[in-house]
N, C-alpha and C. Protein backbone atom coordinates (compact mmCIF):
# COMPACT_ATOMS: atom_id res chain seq x y z
N PRO A 1 -51.65 42.04 71.74
CA PRO A 1 -51.43 42.06 70.30
C PRO A 1 -51.77 40.59 69.78
N PRO A 2 -52.22 40.91 68.52
CA PRO A 2 -53.18 40.19 67.44
C PRO A 2 -52.66 38.29 68.08
N ARG A 3 -53.03 37.49 67.69
CA ARG A 3 -52.95 35.85 68.30
C ARG A 3 -51.62 35.32 67.02
N SER A 4 -52.30 36.25 65.83
CA SER A 4 -51.16 35.96 65.06
C SER A 4 -49.16 35.99 65.20
N THR A 5 -49.14 36.92 66.00
CA THR A 5 -48.12 38.18 66.97
C THR A 5 -47.69 37.05 67.18
N LEU A 6 -48.36 36.46 68.92
CA LEU A 6 -48.25 35.43 69.40
C LEU A 6 -47.36 34.65 68.61
N PHE A 7 -47.65 33.98 67.91
CA PHE A 7 -48.57 32.15 67.52
C PHE A 7 -48.59 32.08 65.75
N PRO A 8 -46.75 32.46 65.48
CA PRO A 8 -47.24 32.81 63.83
C PRO A 8 -46.89 31.34 63.02
N TYR A 9 -47.11 30.30 64.04
CA TYR A 9 -46.77 29.00 63.47
C TYR A 9 -48.93 27.99 63.91
N THR A 10 -49.73 28.71 64.39
CA THR A 10 -50.88 28.00 64.45
C THR A 10 -51.46 27.79 63.57
N THR A 11 -51.39 28.28 61.69
CA THR A 11 -52.31 27.77 60.92
C THR A 11 -51.26 26.67 60.35
N LEU A 12 -49.88 26.25 60.85
CA LEU A 12 -49.10 25.09 60.51
C LEU A 12 -49.60 23.66 61.24
N PHE A 13 -50.07 24.59 62.69
CA PHE A 13 -50.22 23.19 63.45
C PHE A 13 -51.66 23.56 63.18
N ARG A 14 -53.06 23.37 62.83
CA ARG A 14 -54.17 22.85 63.16
C ARG A 14 -54.08 22.01 64.16
N SER A 15 -55.11 22.32 64.86
CA SER A 15 -55.86 20.78 66.09
C SER A 15 -55.24 19.50 65.87
N ASP A 16 -56.03 19.29 64.10
CA ASP A 16 -55.81 17.67 64.23
C ASP A 16 -54.99 17.26 63.71
N ARG A 17 -53.77 18.28 63.83
CA ARG A 17 -52.27 17.95 64.16
C ARG A 17 -51.74 17.79 64.45
N VAL A 18 -52.39 18.76 66.18
CA VAL A 18 -51.46 18.44 67.06
C VAL A 18 -52.06 17.28 67.60
N LYS A 19 -53.20 16.96 67.50
CA LYS A 19 -53.90 15.39 68.06
C LYS A 19 -53.31 14.06 67.85
N SER A 20 -52.73 13.94 66.02
CA SER A 20 -52.23 13.49 65.53
C SER A 20 -50.83 12.68 66.50
N MET A 21 -49.85 13.98 66.79
CA MET A 21 -48.88 13.71 67.70
C MET A 21 -49.56 13.53 68.67
N ALA A 22 -50.54 14.30 69.47
CA ALA A 22 -50.41 13.66 70.84
C ALA A 22 -51.24 12.55 70.64
N LEU A 23 -51.58 11.60 69.88
CA LEU A 23 -51.60 10.25 69.79
C LEU A 23 -50.92 9.14 69.21
N ILE A 24 -49.51 9.73 69.31
CA ILE A 24 -48.30 9.37 68.88
C ILE A 24 -47.61 9.12 70.99
N HIS A 25 -47.77 9.92 70.84
CA HIS A 25 -46.84 9.86 72.60
C HIS A 25 -48.32 9.09 73.67
N GLN A 26 -49.47 9.53 73.31
CA GLN A 26 -50.13 8.56 74.47
C GLN A 26 -50.13 7.12 74.24
N MET A 27 -49.48 6.51 72.79
CA MET A 27 -49.36 5.49 72.39
C MET A 27 -48.52 4.25 73.13
N LEU A 28 -47.10 6.05 73.16
CA LEU A 28 -46.00 4.93 73.69
C LEU A 28 -45.97 5.34 74.92
N TYR A 29 -47.03 5.89 75.59
CA TYR A 29 -46.57 5.06 77.23
C TYR A 29 -48.12 4.43 77.61
N GLN A 30 -48.72 4.16 77.16
CA GLN A 30 -48.73 2.79 76.61
C GLN A 30 -48.62 1.75 76.31
N GLN A 31 -47.28 1.32 76.43
CA GLN A 31 -46.69 0.17 75.95
C GLN A 31 -45.37 -0.01 77.05
N GLU A 32 -44.83 -1.23 76.59
CA GLU A 32 -43.84 -1.43 77.07
C GLU A 32 -42.61 -1.38 76.18
N LYS A 33 -42.17 -0.92 75.17
CA LYS A 33 -41.13 -0.66 74.41
C LYS A 33 -41.98 0.97 74.21
N LEU A 34 -41.02 1.76 75.17
CA LEU A 34 -41.35 2.91 74.67
C LEU A 34 -40.24 4.02 73.74
N SER A 35 -39.79 3.12 72.99
CA SER A 35 -39.37 3.60 72.16
C SER A 35 -39.94 3.77 70.62
N MET A 36 -41.14 2.97 70.39
CA MET A 36 -41.97 2.62 69.27
C MET A 36 -42.89 2.34 68.69
N ILE A 37 -43.83 2.93 67.88
CA ILE A 37 -45.21 2.35 68.02
C ILE A 37 -45.68 2.05 66.82
N ASP A 38 -46.75 1.53 67.45
CA ASP A 38 -47.32 0.45 66.29
C ASP A 38 -48.13 0.67 65.64
N PHE A 39 -47.83 1.24 64.51
CA PHE A 39 -48.38 1.88 63.41
C PHE A 39 -49.83 1.78 62.72
N GLY A 40 -49.98 0.37 62.70
CA GLY A 40 -51.29 -0.69 62.41
C GLY A 40 -52.39 0.25 63.44
N GLN A 41 -52.61 -0.05 64.51
CA GLN A 41 -53.06 0.89 65.41
C GLN A 41 -53.07 1.61 65.30
N TYR A 42 -51.76 2.95 65.16
CA TYR A 42 -52.17 3.81 64.73
C TYR A 42 -53.29 4.75 64.37
N LEU A 43 -52.77 3.87 62.89
CA LEU A 43 -53.66 4.68 61.89
C LEU A 43 -55.02 4.05 61.65
N HIS A 44 -55.09 3.31 62.47
CA HIS A 44 -56.72 2.69 63.12
C HIS A 44 -57.33 3.69 63.97
N GLN A 45 -56.36 3.94 64.68
CA GLN A 45 -57.24 5.30 65.67
C GLN A 45 -57.15 6.33 65.61
N LEU A 46 -56.10 6.82 64.23
CA LEU A 46 -55.65 8.64 63.85
C LEU A 46 -57.72 8.46 62.87
N ALA A 47 -57.23 6.94 62.02
CA ALA A 47 -58.75 7.27 61.13
C ALA A 47 -59.98 7.24 61.61
N ASP A 48 -60.08 6.11 63.06
CA ASP A 48 -61.64 6.74 63.17
C ASP A 48 -61.92 7.99 64.12
N SER A 49 -60.28 8.61 64.77
CA SER A 49 -60.99 10.38 64.94
C SER A 49 -61.00 11.23 64.00
N ILE A 50 -60.39 10.50 62.95
CA ILE A 50 -61.05 11.56 61.97
C ILE A 50 -62.52 11.77 61.22
N ALA A 51 -62.50 10.83 61.54
CA ALA A 51 -63.84 10.08 60.89
C ALA A 51 -64.89 10.77 61.34
N SER A 52 -64.53 10.92 63.20
CA SER A 52 -66.06 10.83 63.95
C SER A 52 -65.99 12.65 63.78
N GLY A 53 -65.06 13.74 63.05
CA GLY A 53 -64.76 15.11 63.73
C GLY A 53 -65.22 15.66 62.20
N TYR A 54 -64.43 14.91 61.02
CA TYR A 54 -65.20 15.38 59.82
C TYR A 54 -66.27 14.34 58.55
N GLY A 55 -67.21 13.10 59.65
CA GLY A 55 -67.99 12.47 59.39
C GLY A 55 -69.18 13.48 58.30
N ARG A 56 -69.59 12.84 57.59
CA ARG A 56 -71.66 13.12 57.35
C ARG A 56 -72.20 12.77 57.87
N PRO A 57 -73.57 13.01 59.01
CA PRO A 57 -74.57 12.58 58.72
C PRO A 57 -75.08 12.27 57.48
N GLU A 58 -75.51 12.83 56.48
CA GLU A 58 -76.77 13.10 55.42
C GLU A 58 -74.95 11.75 54.57
N GLY A 59 -74.46 11.69 54.27
CA GLY A 59 -73.66 11.15 53.23
C GLY A 59 -72.47 9.68 53.99
N LYS A 60 -72.46 8.94 54.00
CA LYS A 60 -71.57 8.24 54.62
C LYS A 60 -70.35 7.16 53.56
N ILE A 61 -68.75 7.36 54.24
CA ILE A 61 -68.02 7.61 53.35
C ILE A 61 -67.83 6.00 54.90
N ILE A 62 -66.79 5.07 53.74
CA ILE A 62 -65.91 4.36 54.21
C ILE A 62 -65.15 3.99 54.85
N CYS A 63 -64.44 3.99 55.53
CA CYS A 63 -62.69 4.25 55.31
C CYS A 63 -62.58 2.82 55.94
N THR A 64 -61.50 2.27 55.29
CA THR A 64 -60.37 0.81 55.62
C THR A 64 -59.29 0.98 56.02
N VAL A 65 -59.06 0.73 57.01
CA VAL A 65 -57.42 0.46 56.92
C VAL A 65 -57.01 -0.59 57.00
N ASN A 66 -55.40 -0.67 56.28
CA ASN A 66 -55.21 -1.88 55.36
C ASN A 66 -53.29 -2.00 56.02
N CYS A 67 -52.78 -2.55 56.84
CA CYS A 67 -51.91 -2.23 57.54
C CYS A 67 -51.43 -3.46 58.37
N GLU A 68 -50.01 -3.73 57.61
CA GLU A 68 -49.53 -5.27 58.45
C GLU A 68 -48.82 -4.34 59.70
N SER A 69 -48.59 -5.55 60.18
CA SER A 69 -47.80 -5.11 61.49
C SER A 69 -46.71 -4.67 61.04
N VAL A 70 -46.70 -3.15 61.58
CA VAL A 70 -46.00 -2.85 61.95
C VAL A 70 -45.20 -1.84 62.55
N GLU A 71 -43.99 -1.62 62.77
CA GLU A 71 -43.68 -0.89 64.45
C GLU A 71 -42.44 0.22 63.92
N PHE A 72 -42.86 1.75 63.99
CA PHE A 72 -41.21 2.96 63.36
C PHE A 72 -41.42 3.40 65.14
N ASP A 73 -40.22 3.83 64.46
CA ASP A 73 -39.91 5.00 66.21
C ASP A 73 -40.48 6.13 65.79
N ILE A 74 -40.09 6.80 66.96
CA ILE A 74 -40.82 8.41 66.33
C ILE A 74 -40.85 9.09 65.66
N ASP A 75 -38.93 8.84 65.24
CA ASP A 75 -38.75 9.68 63.90
C ASP A 75 -39.11 9.43 63.40
N THR A 76 -39.42 8.36 62.57
CA THR A 76 -40.30 8.07 61.36
C THR A 76 -42.08 8.24 61.57
N ALA A 77 -42.77 7.37 63.59
CA ALA A 77 -43.84 7.41 63.24
C ALA A 77 -44.27 9.33 63.50
N ILE A 78 -43.83 9.86 64.00
CA ILE A 78 -44.06 11.60 64.29
C ILE A 78 -44.60 12.55 62.52
N PRO A 79 -43.60 12.45 62.05
CA PRO A 79 -43.72 12.77 60.26
C PRO A 79 -44.72 11.80 59.72
N LEU A 80 -44.66 10.33 59.81
CA LEU A 80 -45.95 9.66 58.72
C LEU A 80 -47.03 9.93 59.38
N GLY A 81 -47.09 10.04 60.84
CA GLY A 81 -48.41 10.34 61.01
C GLY A 81 -49.15 11.52 60.63
N LEU A 82 -48.11 13.01 60.86
CA LEU A 82 -48.52 13.77 59.85
C LEU A 82 -49.12 14.03 58.84
N ILE A 83 -47.86 12.80 57.24
CA ILE A 83 -48.98 12.88 56.48
C ILE A 83 -50.09 12.08 56.34
N ALA A 84 -50.43 11.04 57.11
CA ALA A 84 -51.81 10.79 57.06
C ALA A 84 -52.83 11.26 57.05
N ASN A 85 -52.21 11.90 58.79
CA ASN A 85 -53.39 12.59 59.15
C ASN A 85 -53.44 13.69 57.99
N GLU A 86 -53.00 14.46 57.73
CA GLU A 86 -53.48 15.50 56.32
C GLU A 86 -53.63 15.04 55.13
N LEU A 87 -53.57 13.75 54.74
CA LEU A 87 -53.78 13.37 54.05
C LEU A 87 -55.34 12.74 53.82
N ILE A 88 -55.47 12.32 55.23
CA ILE A 88 -57.16 11.57 55.42
C ILE A 88 -58.09 12.88 55.87
N VAL A 89 -57.61 13.88 56.16
CA VAL A 89 -58.23 14.72 56.52
C VAL A 89 -59.14 15.57 55.51
N ASN A 90 -57.91 15.68 54.39
CA ASN A 90 -58.77 16.63 53.09
C ASN A 90 -59.12 15.44 52.16
N ALA A 91 -58.99 13.84 52.92
CA ALA A 91 -60.12 12.55 51.37
C ALA A 91 -62.09 13.35 52.49
N PHE A 92 -61.18 13.71 54.09
CA PHE A 92 -62.78 13.89 53.96
C PHE A 92 -64.00 15.02 54.25
N LYS A 93 -62.28 15.87 53.31
CA LYS A 93 -62.88 17.74 53.10
C LYS A 93 -63.24 17.53 52.23
N TYR A 94 -62.36 17.39 51.32
CA TYR A 94 -62.67 17.51 49.98
C TYR A 94 -62.76 16.47 48.08
N ALA A 95 -62.85 15.13 48.87
CA ALA A 95 -63.00 14.45 47.40
C ALA A 95 -63.90 14.31 47.65
N PHE A 96 -65.49 14.35 48.24
CA PHE A 96 -67.57 14.05 48.00
C PHE A 96 -67.69 14.96 48.22
N LYS A 97 -68.89 15.62 47.78
CA LYS A 97 -69.84 16.65 47.82
C LYS A 97 -70.88 16.13 48.90
N PRO A 98 -71.29 17.10 49.95
CA PRO A 98 -71.62 16.11 51.72
C PRO A 98 -72.69 15.17 51.47
N SER A 99 -73.43 15.49 49.86
CA SER A 99 -74.65 14.42 50.16
C SER A 99 -73.88 12.87 49.34
N GLU A 100 -73.28 12.65 49.37
CA GLU A 100 -72.20 11.24 48.28
C GLU A 100 -71.83 10.26 48.79
N THR A 101 -72.10 8.98 48.63
CA THR A 101 -71.48 8.40 49.29
C THR A 101 -69.99 7.89 48.98
N GLY A 102 -69.16 7.39 49.73
CA GLY A 102 -67.53 7.29 49.04
C GLY A 102 -66.68 6.26 50.11
N GLU A 103 -65.37 5.70 49.29
CA GLU A 103 -64.78 4.87 49.55
C GLU A 103 -63.22 5.75 50.06
N LEU A 104 -63.10 5.55 51.86
CA LEU A 104 -61.39 5.87 51.30
C LEU A 104 -60.85 4.56 52.27
N ASN A 105 -59.31 4.06 51.52
CA ASN A 105 -58.63 3.73 51.59
C ASN A 105 -57.24 3.84 51.53
N ILE A 106 -57.18 3.49 53.66
CA ILE A 106 -55.41 3.49 54.24
C ILE A 106 -55.27 2.59 53.27
N SER A 107 -53.55 2.74 53.30
CA SER A 107 -52.83 1.26 53.75
C SER A 107 -50.76 1.65 53.44
N LEU A 108 -50.58 0.44 53.98
CA LEU A 108 -48.87 0.81 54.02
C LEU A 108 -48.55 -0.99 54.34
N THR A 109 -48.00 -1.47 53.43
CA THR A 109 -47.38 -1.93 53.20
C THR A 109 -45.27 -1.94 53.28
N ARG A 110 -45.05 -3.49 53.59
CA ARG A 110 -43.53 -3.56 53.02
C ARG A 110 -43.29 -3.94 51.41
N VAL A 111 -42.58 -3.16 50.82
CA VAL A 111 -42.38 -2.96 49.17
C VAL A 111 -41.06 -3.60 49.43
N GLY A 112 -40.06 -3.80 50.44
CA GLY A 112 -38.93 -4.63 50.56
C GLY A 112 -38.12 -4.72 51.76
N ASN A 113 -36.73 -4.64 51.35
CA ASN A 113 -36.34 -4.93 52.83
C ASN A 113 -35.97 -3.49 53.73
N HIS A 114 -36.86 -3.22 55.15
CA HIS A 114 -37.07 -2.17 55.52
C HIS A 114 -37.99 -0.65 54.33
N ARG A 115 -38.50 -1.05 53.34
CA ARG A 115 -39.00 -0.08 52.51
C ARG A 115 -40.16 -0.55 52.31
N PHE A 116 -41.32 1.17 52.29
CA PHE A 116 -42.78 0.52 52.38
C PHE A 116 -43.42 1.66 52.05
N ALA A 117 -44.79 1.14 51.76
CA ALA A 117 -45.35 2.04 50.65
C ALA A 117 -46.84 2.31 51.75
N PHE A 118 -46.65 3.78 51.38
CA PHE A 118 -48.36 4.50 52.14
C PHE A 118 -48.78 5.17 51.40
N SER A 119 -50.86 4.92 51.35
CA SER A 119 -51.27 5.17 50.70
C SER A 119 -52.99 6.11 51.26
N VAL A 120 -52.76 6.94 50.72
CA VAL A 120 -54.54 7.23 50.94
C VAL A 120 -55.15 7.21 49.35
N ARG A 121 -56.13 6.48 49.22
CA ARG A 121 -57.39 6.76 48.06
C ARG A 121 -58.21 6.70 48.52
N ASP A 122 -59.01 7.44 47.80
CA ASP A 122 -60.19 8.07 47.72
C ASP A 122 -61.51 7.09 46.49
N ASN A 123 -62.13 7.15 46.78
CA ASN A 123 -62.82 7.40 44.86
C ASN A 123 -63.95 8.84 45.10
N GLY A 124 -63.86 9.32 45.42
CA GLY A 124 -64.13 10.89 44.81
C GLY A 124 -64.13 11.55 43.42
N ARG A 125 -64.25 12.53 43.72
CA ARG A 125 -64.32 13.57 42.74
C ARG A 125 -62.48 13.48 42.02
N GLY A 126 -61.53 13.30 42.31
CA GLY A 126 -60.24 13.51 42.42
C GLY A 126 -59.54 14.60 42.39
N MET A 127 -58.37 15.01 41.54
CA MET A 127 -58.14 16.77 41.70
C MET A 127 -57.60 16.65 40.37
N PRO A 128 -57.98 18.46 40.26
CA PRO A 128 -57.46 18.76 38.73
C PRO A 128 -56.50 18.28 37.87
N GLU A 129 -56.87 18.02 36.70
CA GLU A 129 -55.10 17.98 35.41
C GLU A 129 -54.75 17.95 36.03
N ASN A 130 -54.54 19.67 35.83
CA ASN A 130 -52.36 20.09 35.56
C ASN A 130 -52.24 19.73 37.48
N PHE A 131 -52.91 18.97 38.42
CA PHE A 131 -52.30 19.47 39.60
C PHE A 131 -51.21 18.42 39.84
N ARG A 132 -50.20 19.09 40.26
CA ARG A 132 -49.18 18.48 40.88
C ARG A 132 -48.31 18.49 42.09
N ILE A 133 -48.12 18.23 42.54
CA ILE A 133 -47.27 17.76 44.35
C ILE A 133 -46.28 18.63 44.44
N ASP A 134 -45.79 18.43 43.01
CA ASP A 134 -44.22 19.30 44.52
C ASP A 134 -44.89 21.30 43.53
N ARG A 135 -45.65 21.03 43.04
CA ARG A 135 -46.19 22.83 42.38
C ARG A 135 -47.08 23.54 43.31
N THR A 136 -47.41 22.32 44.43
CA THR A 136 -48.59 22.71 45.38
C THR A 136 -48.74 23.82 46.00
N GLU A 137 -49.70 24.27 45.75
CA GLU A 137 -49.99 25.86 46.91
C GLU A 137 -50.22 26.04 48.23
N THR A 138 -50.56 25.08 48.88
CA THR A 138 -51.78 24.76 49.94
C THR A 138 -51.18 24.52 50.89
N LEU A 139 -50.64 24.92 52.02
CA LEU A 139 -50.44 24.58 52.83
C LEU A 139 -50.20 22.88 53.74
N GLY A 140 -50.81 22.20 53.72
CA GLY A 140 -51.33 20.83 53.78
C GLY A 140 -50.17 20.07 52.66
N LEU A 141 -50.44 20.17 51.75
CA LEU A 141 -50.12 19.85 50.87
C LEU A 141 -48.38 19.44 50.58
N ARG A 142 -48.00 21.00 50.84
CA ARG A 142 -46.72 21.62 50.50
C ARG A 142 -46.02 20.48 52.19
N LEU A 143 -46.90 20.68 53.20
CA LEU A 143 -46.52 19.99 54.16
C LEU A 143 -45.85 18.30 54.00
N VAL A 144 -47.93 18.04 53.43
CA VAL A 144 -46.86 16.35 53.22
C VAL A 144 -45.63 15.99 52.23
N SER A 145 -45.63 17.24 51.73
CA SER A 145 -44.43 16.93 50.43
C SER A 145 -43.28 17.22 51.22
N LEU A 146 -43.09 18.36 52.09
CA LEU A 146 -42.09 17.75 53.12
C LEU A 146 -41.19 16.76 54.32
N LEU A 147 -42.38 16.72 54.59
CA LEU A 147 -42.08 15.37 55.59
C LEU A 147 -42.06 14.40 54.82
N SER A 148 -42.51 13.86 53.49
CA SER A 148 -42.06 13.19 52.45
C SER A 148 -40.66 12.78 52.32
N ARG A 149 -39.67 14.27 51.52
CA ARG A 149 -38.72 14.16 51.88
C ARG A 149 -38.15 13.55 53.09
N GLN A 150 -38.45 14.68 54.89
CA GLN A 150 -37.55 13.84 55.50
C GLN A 150 -37.72 12.05 56.20
N LEU A 151 -38.54 11.78 55.13
CA LEU A 151 -38.54 10.08 55.66
C LEU A 151 -37.88 9.92 54.26
N ARG A 152 -37.38 10.84 52.94
CA ARG A 152 -36.31 9.82 52.10
C ARG A 152 -37.73 9.36 51.52
N GLY A 153 -38.44 9.61 51.48
CA GLY A 153 -39.75 8.62 50.72
C GLY A 153 -40.00 9.82 48.81
N VAL A 154 -40.55 8.98 47.72
CA VAL A 154 -41.10 9.72 46.89
C VAL A 154 -41.92 9.81 47.05
N ILE A 155 -43.08 10.49 46.77
CA ILE A 155 -44.94 10.50 47.33
C ILE A 155 -44.83 10.96 45.25
N SER A 156 -46.37 10.04 45.03
CA SER A 156 -46.38 10.40 43.99
C SER A 156 -48.35 10.66 44.00
N CYS A 157 -49.36 11.44 42.93
CA CYS A 157 -50.83 11.54 43.33
C CYS A 157 -51.40 11.54 41.63
N ILE A 158 -52.11 10.07 42.39
CA ILE A 158 -52.92 9.50 40.35
C ILE A 158 -54.50 9.54 40.65
N ASN A 159 -54.27 9.95 40.01
CA ASN A 159 -55.52 10.38 39.26
C ASN A 159 -56.05 9.28 39.06
N ASN A 160 -56.92 9.02 39.01
CA ASN A 160 -57.20 7.62 38.73
C ASN A 160 -59.23 7.16 39.08
N ASN A 161 -60.34 7.33 39.24
CA ASN A 161 -61.47 7.42 39.34
C ASN A 161 -61.77 7.76 41.49
N GLY A 162 -60.93 9.34 41.17
CA GLY A 162 -60.90 9.41 42.79
C GLY A 162 -58.39 9.55 42.85
N THR A 163 -58.89 10.34 44.22
CA THR A 163 -57.24 10.44 44.15
C THR A 163 -56.36 8.94 45.16
N GLU A 164 -55.31 9.04 44.48
CA GLU A 164 -54.14 8.32 45.48
C GLU A 164 -53.36 8.83 46.27
N PHE A 165 -52.72 9.42 47.33
CA PHE A 165 -51.39 9.97 47.27
C PHE A 165 -50.69 8.77 47.76
N ARG A 166 -49.97 8.32 47.10
CA ARG A 166 -48.64 7.06 47.66
C ARG A 166 -47.28 7.90 48.01
N ILE A 167 -46.57 7.31 48.56
CA ILE A 167 -45.66 7.66 49.56
C ILE A 167 -44.63 6.01 49.79
N THR A 168 -44.01 5.91 48.74
CA THR A 168 -42.66 4.71 48.88
C THR A 168 -41.75 5.67 50.19
N PHE A 169 -41.58 4.42 51.30
CA PHE A 169 -39.60 5.14 51.94
C PHE A 169 -39.48 3.24 52.50
């Protein structure tokens, strides 16, 4: 039978999505606290991994991660890790033309008691004027929207000298 018959969800779990979850599990086994993930360390490793896979030799994209020391349990780390993976991959793939240089900034900050803001911002070409995250057709951004709701978060897309996706949860 065709592969899609055996594995109907393979498009949902592209190999980079699987790698982002595997990285969380790897980090769990490498630390003393088996239930918490140092999410700053995770973001650095994830961004490095994605940059090595999607970076372009003919153009340079500078990727910066700014993250406070934050630990999340696996119920928060996995959906947030998948969100981070999707937004970072999209920025590398679509924000810049092949020969362009650019910047990608990833940040996670506290915005209150047990509240956080996560953002992925690029200075690339930006989204179309009529883009709305709640009406997107792409599987990846629908996944981001769904996982944001799972975190009880609010997602926004800011289109100003590039694109910023911000999730407050």
